[in-house]
PDB file of N, CA and C in Angstrom:
ATOM      1  N   MET A   1      16.226   1.365 -30.416  1.00  0.00           N
ATOM      2  CA  MET A   1      15.836   2.085 -28.930  1.00  0.00           C
ATOM      3  C   MET A   1      15.610   0.810 -27.799  1.00  0.00           C
ATOM      4  N   PRO A   2      16.423   0.828 -26.541  1.00  0.00           N
ATOM      5  CA  PRO A   2      15.758  -0.073 -25.816  1.00  0.00           C
ATOM      6  C   PRO A   2      14.337  -0.117 -25.303  1.00  0.00           C
ATOM      7  N   ASP A   3      13.901  -1.256 -24.477  1.00  0.00           N
ATOM      8  CA  ASP A   3      12.607  -0.930 -24.159  1.00  0.00           C
ATOM      9  C   ASP A   3      12.527  -0.664 -22.470  1.00  0.00           C
ATOM     10  N   GLN A   4      11.620  -0.002 -22.368  1.00  0.00           N
ATOM     11  CA  GLN A   4      11.259   1.219 -21.216  1.00  0.00           C
ATOM     12  C   GLN A   4      11.097  -0.252 -20.299  1.00  0.00           C
ATOM     13  N   ILE A   5      11.668   0.137 -19.022  1.00  0.00           N
ATOM     14  CA  ILE A   5      11.050  -0.964 -17.765  1.00  0.00           C
ATOM     15  C   ILE A   5       9.771  -1.481 -17.959  1.00  0.00           C
ATOM     16  N   TRP A   6       8.984  -0.429 -17.487  1.00  0.00           N
ATOM     17  CA  TRP A   6       7.907  -0.643 -17.290  1.00  0.00           C
ATOM     18  C   TRP A   6       6.931  -1.906 -19.041  1.00  0.00           C
ATOM     19  N   THR A   7       7.626  -2.009 -19.763  1.00  0.00           N
ATOM     20  CA  THR A   7       7.315  -2.470 -20.639  1.00  0.00           C
ATOM     21  C   THR A   7       7.899  -3.689 -20.688  1.00  0.00           C
ATOM     22  N   LEU A   8       8.286  -4.525 -19.496  1.00  0.00           N
ATOM     23  CA  LEU A   8       8.877  -5.295 -19.813  1.00  0.00           C
ATOM     24  C   LEU A   8       8.298  -6.589 -18.275  1.00  0.00           C
ATOM     25  N   TRP A   9       7.669  -7.773 -18.910  1.00  0.00           N
ATOM     26  CA  TRP A   9       6.924  -8.315 -17.807  1.00  0.00           C
ATOM     27  C   TRP A   9       7.630  -8.711 -17.101  1.00  0.00           C
ATOM     28  N   TRP A  10       8.934  -9.099 -17.167  1.00  0.00           N
ATOM     29  CA  TRP A  10       9.957 -10.002 -15.809  1.00  0.00           C
ATOM     30  C   TRP A  10       9.936  -8.421 -14.651  1.00  0.00           C
ATOM     31  N   ALA A  11       9.911  -7.274 -15.216  1.00  0.00           N
ATOM     32  CA  ALA A  11      10.076  -6.093 -14.136  1.00  0.00           C
ATOM     33  C   ALA A  11       9.338  -5.922 -13.229  1.00  0.00           C
ATOM     34  N   TRP A  12       7.653  -6.290 -13.708  1.00  0.00           N
ATOM     35  CA  TRP A  12       7.009  -6.218 -12.890  1.00  0.00           C
ATOM     36  C   TRP A  12       6.503  -7.472 -12.269  1.00  0.00           C
ATOM     37  N   ILE A  13       6.987  -8.334 -12.505  1.00  0.00           N
ATOM     38  CA  ILE A  13       7.203  -9.691 -11.284  1.00  0.00           C
ATOM     39  C   ILE A  13       8.163  -9.653 -10.435  1.00  0.00           C
ATOM     40  N   VAL A  14       9.343  -9.161 -11.096  1.00  0.00           N
ATOM     41  CA  VAL A  14       9.914  -8.869 -10.109  1.00  0.00           C
ATOM     42  C   VAL A  14       9.584  -8.115  -8.597  1.00  0.00           C
ATOM     43  N   LEU A  15       9.278  -6.838  -9.165  1.00  0.00           N
ATOM     44  CA  LEU A  15       8.441  -6.222  -8.187  1.00  0.00           C
ATOM     45  C   LEU A  15       7.469  -5.956  -6.939  1.00  0.00           C
ATOM     46  N   GLY A  16       6.699  -6.992  -8.007  1.00  0.00           N
ATOM     47  CA  GLY A  16       5.478  -8.343  -7.098  1.00  0.00           C
ATOM     48  C   GLY A  16       6.260  -8.932  -6.246  1.00  0.00           C
ATOM     49  N   PHE A  17       7.398  -9.718  -6.333  1.00  0.00           N
ATOM     50  CA  PHE A  17       8.434 -10.349  -5.326  1.00  0.00           C
ATOM     51  C   PHE A  17       8.868  -9.401  -4.513  1.00  0.00           C
ATOM     52  N   ALA A  18       9.280  -8.266  -5.009  1.00  0.00           N
ATOM     53  CA  ALA A  18      10.063  -7.579  -3.872  1.00  0.00           C
ATOM     54  C   ALA A  18       9.296  -7.293  -2.779  1.00  0.00           C
ATOM     55  N   LEU A  19       8.201  -6.434  -3.334  1.00  0.00           N
ATOM     56  CA  LEU A  19       6.925  -6.505  -2.240  1.00  0.00           C
ATOM     57  C   LEU A  19       6.048  -7.596  -1.200  1.00  0.00           C
ATOM     58  N   GLY A  20       6.197  -8.187  -1.819  1.00  0.00           N
ATOM     59  CA  GLY A  20       6.087  -9.380  -1.035  1.00  0.00           C
ATOM     60  C   GLY A  20       7.619  -9.660  -0.261  1.00  0.00           C
ATOM     61  N   VAL A  21       8.396  -9.524  -0.376  1.00  0.00           N
ATOM     62  CA  VAL A  21       9.660  -9.671   0.704  1.00  0.00           C
ATOM     63  C   VAL A  21       9.092  -8.593   1.432  1.00  0.00           C
ATOM     64  N   VAL A  22       9.021  -7.072   1.204  1.00  0.00           N
ATOM     65  CA  VAL A  22       8.631  -6.382   2.152  1.00  0.00           C
ATOM     66  C   VAL A  22       7.739  -6.295   3.052  1.00  0.00           C
ATOM     67  N   GLU A  23       6.675  -7.022   2.483  1.00  0.00           N
ATOM     68  CA  GLU A  23       5.179  -7.264   3.409  1.00  0.00           C
ATOM     69  C   GLU A  23       5.975  -8.558   4.486  1.00  0.00           C
ATOM     70  N   ILE A  24       6.906  -9.407   4.395  1.00  0.00           N
ATOM     71  CA  ILE A  24       7.241 -10.438   5.374  1.00  0.00           C
ATOM     72  C   ILE A  24       8.056  -9.420   6.024  1.00  0.00           C
ATOM     73  N   PHE A  25       8.866  -8.376   6.081  1.00  0.00           N
ATOM     74  CA  PHE A  25       9.269  -7.765   7.104  1.00  0.00           C
ATOM     75  C   PHE A  25       8.425  -6.681   7.644  1.00  0.00           C
ATOM     76  N   ALA A  26       7.338  -6.881   7.111  1.00  0.00           N
ATOM     77  CA  ALA A  26       6.239  -5.139   7.698  1.00  0.00           C
ATOM     78  C   ALA A  26       4.798  -5.897   7.583  1.00  0.00           C
ATOM     79  N   PRO A  27       4.432  -6.807   8.413  1.00  0.00           N
ATOM     80  CA  PRO A  27       3.354  -7.293   7.965  1.00  0.00           C
ATOM     81  C   PRO A  27       2.035  -6.791   8.102  1.00  0.00           C
ATOM     82  N   GLY A  28       1.022  -6.957   7.740  1.00  0.00           N
ATOM     83  CA  GLY A  28      -0.300  -6.070   8.329  1.00  0.00           C
ATOM     84  C   GLY A  28      -0.998  -5.940   6.429  1.00  0.00           C
ATOM     85  N   PHE A  29      -0.308  -7.231   6.246  1.00  0.00           N
ATOM     86  CA  PHE A  29      -1.567  -6.560   4.456  1.00  0.00           C
ATOM     87  C   PHE A  29      -1.152  -5.188   3.705  1.00  0.00           C
ATOM     88  N   ILE A  30      -0.191  -4.768   3.952  1.00  0.00           N
ATOM     89  CA  ILE A  30      -0.160  -3.486   3.374  1.00  0.00           C
ATOM     90  C   ILE A  30       0.476  -3.560   2.088  1.00  0.00           C
ATOM     91  N   PHE A  31       1.517  -4.079   2.257  1.00  0.00           N
ATOM     92  CA  PHE A  31       2.353  -4.612   0.428  1.00  0.00           C
ATOM     93  C   PHE A  31       1.836  -5.757  -0.336  1.00  0.00           C
ATOM     94  N   LEU A  32       1.108  -6.743   0.512  1.00  0.00           N
ATOM     95  CA  LEU A  32       0.854  -7.737  -0.450  1.00  0.00           C
ATOM     96  C   LEU A  32      -0.392  -7.469  -1.297  1.00  0.00           C
ATOM     97  N   GLY A  33      -1.232  -6.683  -0.932  1.00  0.00           N
ATOM     98  CA  GLY A  33      -2.300  -6.056  -2.185  1.00  0.00           C
ATOM     99  C   GLY A  33      -1.436  -5.494  -3.349  1.00  0.00           C
ATOM    100  N   PHE A  34      -0.282  -4.556  -2.959  1.00  0.00           N
ATOM    101  CA  PHE A  34       0.495  -4.071  -4.424  1.00  0.00           C
ATOM    102  C   PHE A  34       1.264  -5.066  -4.994  1.00  0.00           C
ATOM    103  N   ALA A  35       1.862  -6.430  -4.060  1.00  0.00           N
ATOM    104  CA  ALA A  35       2.671  -7.696  -4.721  1.00  0.00           C
ATOM    105  C   ALA A  35       2.051  -8.065  -5.603  1.00  0.00           C
ATOM    106  N   VAL A  36       0.766  -8.482  -5.348  1.00  0.00           N
ATOM    107  CA  VAL A  36      -0.580  -9.342  -6.308  1.00  0.00           C
ATOM    108  C   VAL A  36      -0.700  -8.318  -7.313  1.00  0.00           C
ATOM    109  N   GLY A  37      -0.920  -7.244  -7.222  1.00  0.00           N
ATOM    110  CA  GLY A  37      -1.523  -6.118  -8.268  1.00  0.00           C
ATOM    111  C   GLY A  37       0.057  -5.747  -9.241  1.00  0.00           C
ATOM    112  N   ALA A  38       1.511  -5.949  -8.757  1.00  0.00           N
ATOM    113  CA  ALA A  38       2.323  -5.937  -9.527  1.00  0.00           C
ATOM    114  C   ALA A  38       2.153  -7.086 -10.258  1.00  0.00           C
ATOM    115  N   GLY A  39       1.796  -8.010  -9.686  1.00  0.00           N
ATOM    116  CA  GLY A  39       1.948  -9.417 -10.123  1.00  0.00           C
ATOM    117  C   GLY A  39       1.323  -9.590 -11.418  1.00  0.00           C
ATOM    118  N   LEU A  40      -0.141  -9.242 -11.500  1.00  0.00           N
ATOM    119  CA  LEU A  40      -0.764  -9.385 -12.243  1.00  0.00           C
ATOM    120  C   LEU A  40      -0.582  -8.639 -13.699  1.00  0.00           C
ATOM    121  N   THR A  41      -0.323  -7.340 -13.381  1.00  0.00           N
ATOM    122  CA  THR A  41       0.436  -6.491 -14.391  1.00  0.00           C
ATOM    123  C   THR A  41       1.572  -7.144 -14.863  1.00  0.00           C
ATOM    124  N   GLY A  42       2.466  -7.442 -14.317  1.00  0.00           N
ATOM    125  CA  GLY A  42       2.919  -8.307 -15.345  1.00  0.00           C
ATOM    126  C   GLY A  42       2.522  -9.223 -15.931  1.00  0.00           C
ATOM    127  N   VAL A  43       1.428 -10.333 -15.438  1.00  0.00           N
ATOM    128  CA  VAL A  43       1.192 -11.007 -16.636  1.00  0.00           C
ATOM    129  C   VAL A  43       0.270 -10.910 -17.962  1.00  0.00           C
ATOM    130  N   LEU A  44      -0.375  -9.223 -17.397  1.00  0.00           N
ATOM    131  CA  LEU A  44      -1.186  -8.647 -18.890  1.00  0.00           C
ATOM    132  C   LEU A  44       0.205  -8.007 -19.744  1.00  0.00           C
ATOM    133  N   VAL A  45       1.731  -7.694 -19.199  1.00  0.00           N
ATOM    134  CA  VAL A  45       2.292  -6.944 -19.823  1.00  0.00           C
ATOM    135  C   VAL A  45       2.647  -8.186 -20.807  1.00  0.00           C
ATOM    136  N   GLY A  46       3.006  -9.765 -20.012  1.00  0.00           N
ATOM    137  CA  GLY A  46       3.484 -10.712 -20.722  1.00  0.00           C
ATOM    138  C   GLY A  46       2.406 -11.148 -21.911  1.00  0.00           C
ATOM    139  N   LEU A  47       1.177 -10.900 -21.768  1.00  0.00           N
ATOM    140  CA  LEU A  47       0.211 -11.575 -22.438  1.00  0.00           C
ATOM    141  C   LEU A  47       0.429 -10.433 -23.711  1.00  0.00           C
ATOM    142  N   GLY A  48       0.856  -9.286 -23.314  1.00  0.00           N
ATOM    143  CA  GLY A  48       0.498  -8.556 -24.908  1.00  0.00           C
ATOM    144  C   GLY A  48       0.241  -7.103 -24.774  1.00  0.00           C
ATOM    145  N   ILE A  49      -0.647  -6.788 -23.353  1.00  0.00           N
ATOM    146  CA  ILE A  49      -1.016  -5.563 -23.274  1.00  0.00           C
ATOM    147  C   ILE A  49      -0.503  -4.508 -23.791  1.00  0.00           C
ATOM    148  N   GLY A  50      -0.703  -3.168 -24.525  1.00  0.00           N
ATOM    149  CA  GLY A  50       0.071  -2.784 -25.509  1.00  0.00           C
ATOM    150  C   GLY A  50      -0.512  -1.064 -24.288  1.00  0.00           C
ATOM    151  N   ALA A  51       0.133  -0.689 -23.467  1.00  0.00           N
ATOM    152  CA  ALA A  51      -0.075   0.396 -22.610  1.00  0.00           C
ATOM    153  C   ALA A  51       1.397   1.489 -22.090  1.00  0.00           C
ATOM    154  N   GLY A  52       1.368   2.484 -22.379  1.00  0.00           N
ATOM    155  CA  GLY A  52       1.949   3.802 -21.928  1.00  0.00           C
ATOM    156  C   GLY A  52       1.887   3.832 -20.189  1.00  0.00           C
ATOM    157  N   LEU A  53       3.292   4.011 -19.875  1.00  0.00           N
ATOM    158  CA  LEU A  53       3.308   3.828 -18.139  1.00  0.00           C
ATOM    159  C   LEU A  53       1.924   4.664 -17.349  1.00  0.00           C
ATOM    160  N   PRO A  54       1.306   5.853 -18.021  1.00  0.00           N
ATOM    161  CA  PRO A  54       0.299   6.232 -17.025  1.00  0.00           C
ATOM    162  C   PRO A  54      -1.351   5.130 -17.275  1.00  0.00           C
ATOM    163  N   LEU A  55      -1.158   4.329 -18.374  1.00  0.00           N
ATOM    164  CA  LEU A  55      -2.164   3.282 -18.383  1.00  0.00           C
ATOM    165  C   LEU A  55      -1.886   2.084 -17.269  1.00  0.00           C
ATOM    166  N   LEU A  56      -0.692   1.645 -17.300  1.00  0.00           N
ATOM    167  CA  LEU A  56      -0.425   0.706 -16.299  1.00  0.00           C
ATOM    168  C   LEU A  56      -0.229   0.697 -15.329  1.00  0.00           C
ATOM    169  N   LEU A  57       0.264   2.212 -14.881  1.00  0.00           N
ATOM    170  CA  LEU A  57       0.019   2.314 -13.303  1.00  0.00           C
ATOM    171  C   LEU A  57      -1.360   2.313 -12.924  1.00  0.00           C
ATOM    172  N   LEU A  58      -2.067   2.871 -13.690  1.00  0.00           N
ATOM    173  CA  LEU A  58      -3.576   2.481 -13.401  1.00  0.00           C
ATOM    174  C   LEU A  58      -3.846   1.292 -13.304  1.00  0.00           C
ATOM    175  N   ILE A  59      -3.691   0.663 -14.353  1.00  0.00           N
ATOM    176  CA  ILE A  59      -3.912  -1.039 -14.161  1.00  0.00           C
ATOM    177  C   ILE A  59      -3.462  -1.187 -12.892  1.00  0.00           C
ATOM    178  N   PHE A  60      -2.177  -1.521 -12.802  1.00  0.00           N
ATOM    179  CA  PHE A  60      -1.489  -1.681 -11.588  1.00  0.00           C
ATOM    180  C   PHE A  60      -2.382  -0.807  -9.979  1.00  0.00           C
ATOM    181  N   ALA A  61      -2.601   0.241  -9.839  1.00  0.00           N
ATOM    182  CA  ALA A  61      -3.330   0.309  -9.099  1.00  0.00           C
ATOM    183  C   ALA A  61      -4.987   0.263  -8.275  1.00  0.00           C
ATOM    184  N   VAL A  62      -6.064  -0.320  -9.607  1.00  0.00           N
ATOM    185  CA  VAL A  62      -6.968  -1.031  -9.583  1.00  0.00           C
ATOM    186  C   VAL A  62      -6.470  -2.442  -9.407  1.00  0.00           C
ATOM    187  N   LEU A  63      -5.871  -3.205  -9.871  1.00  0.00           N
ATOM    188  CA  LEU A  63      -5.401  -4.864  -9.906  1.00  0.00           C
ATOM    189  C   LEU A  63      -5.232  -4.680  -8.192  1.00  0.00           C
ATOM    190  N   SER A  64      -4.346  -3.679  -7.232  1.00  0.00           N
ATOM    191  CA  SER A  64      -3.880  -3.784  -6.292  1.00  0.00           C
ATOM    192  C   SER A  64      -4.894  -3.300  -4.930  1.00  0.00           C
ATOM    193  N   LEU A  65      -6.139  -2.611  -5.597  1.00  0.00           N
ATOM    194  CA  LEU A  65      -7.127  -2.368  -4.479  1.00  0.00           C
ATOM    195  C   LEU A  65      -8.033  -3.199  -4.681  1.00  0.00           C
ATOM    196  N   ILE A  66      -8.012  -3.934  -5.642  1.00  0.00           N
ATOM    197  CA  ILE A  66      -8.946  -5.359  -5.920  1.00  0.00           C
ATOM    198  C   ILE A  66      -8.479  -6.205  -5.024  1.00  0.00           C
ATOM    199  N   ALA A  67      -6.897  -6.467  -5.195  1.00  0.00           N
ATOM    200  CA  ALA A  67      -6.278  -7.742  -4.578  1.00  0.00           C
ATOM    201  C   ALA A  67      -6.469  -7.410  -3.071  1.00  0.00           C
ATOM    202  N   TRP A  68      -6.127  -5.835  -2.626  1.00  0.00           N
ATOM    203  CA  TRP A  68      -6.036  -5.725  -1.120  1.00  0.00           C
ATOM    204  C   TRP A  68      -7.640  -6.014  -0.204  1.00  0.00           C
ATOM    205  N   ALA A  69      -8.553  -5.664  -1.256  1.00  0.00           N
ATOM    206  CA  ALA A  69      -9.817  -5.411  -0.840  1.00  0.00           C
ATOM    207  C   ALA A  69     -10.462  -7.229  -0.513  1.00  0.00           C
ATOM    208  N   GLY A  70      -9.980  -7.986  -1.553  1.00  0.00           N
ATOM    209  CA  GLY A  70      -9.956  -9.303  -1.666  1.00  0.00           C
ATOM    210  C   GLY A  70      -9.065  -9.921  -0.345  1.00  0.00           C
ATOM    211  N   LEU A  71      -7.984  -9.774  -0.216  1.00  0.00           N
ATOM    212  CA  LEU A  71      -7.337 -10.227   0.859  1.00  0.00           C
ATOM    213  C   LEU A  71      -7.901  -9.831   2.032  1.00  0.00           C
ATOM    214  N   ARG A  72      -8.407  -8.546   2.351  1.00  0.00           N
ATOM    215  CA  ARG A  72      -8.569  -7.953   3.850  1.00  0.00           C
ATOM    216  C   ARG A  72     -10.048  -8.944   3.530  1.00  0.00           C
ATOM    217  N   ARG A  73     -10.802  -8.991   3.137  1.00  0.00           N
ATOM    218  CA  ARG A  73     -12.256 -10.275   2.952  1.00  0.00           C
ATOM    219  C   ARG A  73     -11.979 -11.461   3.766  1.00  0.00           C
ATOM    220  N   LEU A  74     -10.940 -12.220   3.165  1.00  0.00           N
ATOM    221  CA  LEU A  74     -10.490 -13.048   3.587  1.00  0.00           C
ATOM    222  C   LEU A  74      -9.539 -13.828   4.544  1.00  0.00           C
ATOM    223  N   SER A  75      -8.835 -12.417   5.413  1.00  0.00           N
ATOM    224  CA  SER A  75      -8.386 -12.598   6.549  1.00  0.00           C
ATOM    225  C   SER A  75      -8.399 -11.909   7.456  1.00  0.00           C
ATOM    226  N   GLY A  76      -9.452 -10.546   7.169  1.00  0.00           N
ATOM    227  CA  GLY A  76      -9.838  -9.759   8.068  1.00  0.00           C
ATOM    228  C   GLY A  76     -10.677 -10.434   9.610  1.00  0.00           C
ATOM    229  N   LYS A  77     -10.983  -9.528   9.801  1.00  0.00           N
ATOM    230  CA  LYS A  77     -11.758  -9.846  11.556  1.00  0.00           C
ATOM    231  C   LYS A  77     -13.176 -10.691  11.139  1.00  0.00           C
ATOM    232  N   ARG A  78     -13.146 -11.718  11.666  1.00  0.00           N
ATOM    233  CA  ARG A  78     -14.740 -12.349  11.298  1.00  0.00           C
ATOM    234  C   ARG A  78     -15.675 -11.566  11.829  1.00  0.00           C
ATOM    235  N   PRO A  79     -17.289 -12.401  11.064  1.00  0.00           N
ATOM    236  CA  PRO A  79     -18.249 -11.262  11.540  1.00  0.00           C
ATOM    237  C   PRO A  79     -18.274 -12.101  12.689  1.00  0.00           C
ATOM    238  N   GLY A  80     -18.592 -10.990  13.938  1.00  0.00           N
ATOM    239  CA  GLY A  80     -19.086 -10.941  15.226  1.00  0.00           C
ATOM    240  C   GLY A  80     -17.898 -10.794  16.239  1.00  0.00           C
ATOM    241  N   GLN A  81     -17.069 -10.701  15.605  1.00  0.00           N
ATOM    242  CA  GLN A  81     -15.580 -10.508  16.559  1.00  0.00           C
ATOM    243  C   GLN A  81     -15.402  -9.260  16.869  1.00  0.00           C
ATOM    244  N   VAL A  82     -15.776  -9.321  18.201  1.00  0.00           N
ATOM    245  CA  VAL A  82     -15.152  -7.871  18.855  1.00  0.00           C
ATOM    246  C   VAL A  82     -14.131  -7.932  19.621  1.00  0.00           C
ATOM    247  N   LYS A  83     -13.373  -6.320  19.689  1.00  0.00           N
ATOM    248  CA  LYS A  83     -12.364  -6.262  20.864  1.00  0.00           C
ATOM    249  C   LYS A  83     -12.961  -5.987  21.712  1.00  0.00           C
ATOM    250  N   VAL A  84     -12.400  -6.884  22.969  1.00  0.00           N
ATOM    251  CA  VAL A  84     -12.709  -6.496  24.253  1.00  0.00           C
ATOM    252  C   VAL A  84     -11.466  -5.814  24.953  1.00  0.00           C
ATOM    253  N   TRP A  85     -11.644  -4.868  25.195  1.00  0.00           N
ATOM    254  CA  TRP A  85     -10.821  -4.200  26.808  1.00  0.00           C
ATOM    255  C   TRP A  85     -11.006  -4.820  28.118  1.00  0.00           C
ATOM    256  N   ASP A  86     -10.280  -5.304  28.317  1.00  0.00           N
ATOM    257  CA  ASP A  86     -10.310  -5.909  29.961  1.00  0.00           C
ATOM    258  C   ASP A  86      -9.306  -5.102  30.823  1.00  0.00           C
ATOM    259  N   ARG A  87      -8.648  -3.923  30.168  1.00  0.00           N
ATOM    260  CA  ARG A  87      -8.139  -3.011  31.222  1.00  0.00           C
ATOM    261  C   ARG A  87      -7.941  -2.065  30.514  1.00  0.00           C
ATOM    262  N   ASP A  88      -7.945  -0.546  31.539  1.00  0.00           N
ATOM    263  CA  ASP A  88      -7.833   0.839  31.097  1.00  0.00           C
ATOM    264  C   ASP A  88      -6.491   1.192  31.279  1.00  0.00           C
ATOM    265  N   ILE A  89      -6.109   2.240  30.673  1.00  0.00           N
ATOM    266  CA  ILE A  89      -4.656   3.052  30.287  1.00  0.00           C
ATOM    267  C   ILE A  89      -4.860   3.355  31.912  1.00  0.00           C
ATOM    268  N   ASN A  90      -5.688   3.878  32.495  1.00  0.00           N
ATOM    269  CA  ASN A  90      -5.825   4.616  33.829  1.00  0.00           C
ATOM    270  C   ASN A  90      -5.733   3.547  35.232  1.00  0.00           C
ATOM    271  N   ASP A  91      -5.356   2.422  34.917  1.00  0.00           N
ATOM    272  CA  ASP A  91      -5.566   1.761  35.597  1.00  0.00           C
ATOM    273  C   ASP A  91      -4.346   1.422  36.224  1.00  0.00           C
ATOM    274  N   ASN A  92      -3.198   2.009  35.825  1.00  0.00           N
ATOM    275  CA  ASN A  92      -1.893   1.723  36.785  1.00  0.00           C
ATOM    276  C   ASN A  92      -1.584   2.781  37.468  1.00  0.00           C
ATOM    277  N   HIS A  93      -2.525   3.448  37.903  1.00  0.00           N
ATOM    278  CA  HIS A  93      -2.599   4.642  38.699  1.00  0.00           C
ATOM    279  C   HIS A  93      -2.475   4.144  40.405  1.00  0.00           C
ATOM    280  N   PRO A  94      -1.417   4.171  41.318  1.00  0.00           N
ATOM    281  CA  PRO A  94      -1.685   3.330  42.426  1.00  0.00           C
ATOM    282  C   PRO A  94      -2.683   3.671  43.219  1.00  0.00           C
TER     283      PRO A  94
END
């Protein structure tokens, strides 16, 4: 019986790279956390973690959330930085 795709470490790594490419076209740190999560899941599968699809998806989700939170902390709004509005939408009226 052939291996299932989710049990192959390289499939998770390829998914991580693909999500990284998607992040380039849709910036905003939306897909970057998923890319890191997929890469780390691939590393875990490569190290021999024996898990089925539900557990691997849970691991992927948790690692993606942790990666997203870490990236948000590193590259998010700096403390004390505020948005300053210098014009109003209603300022365009003659």
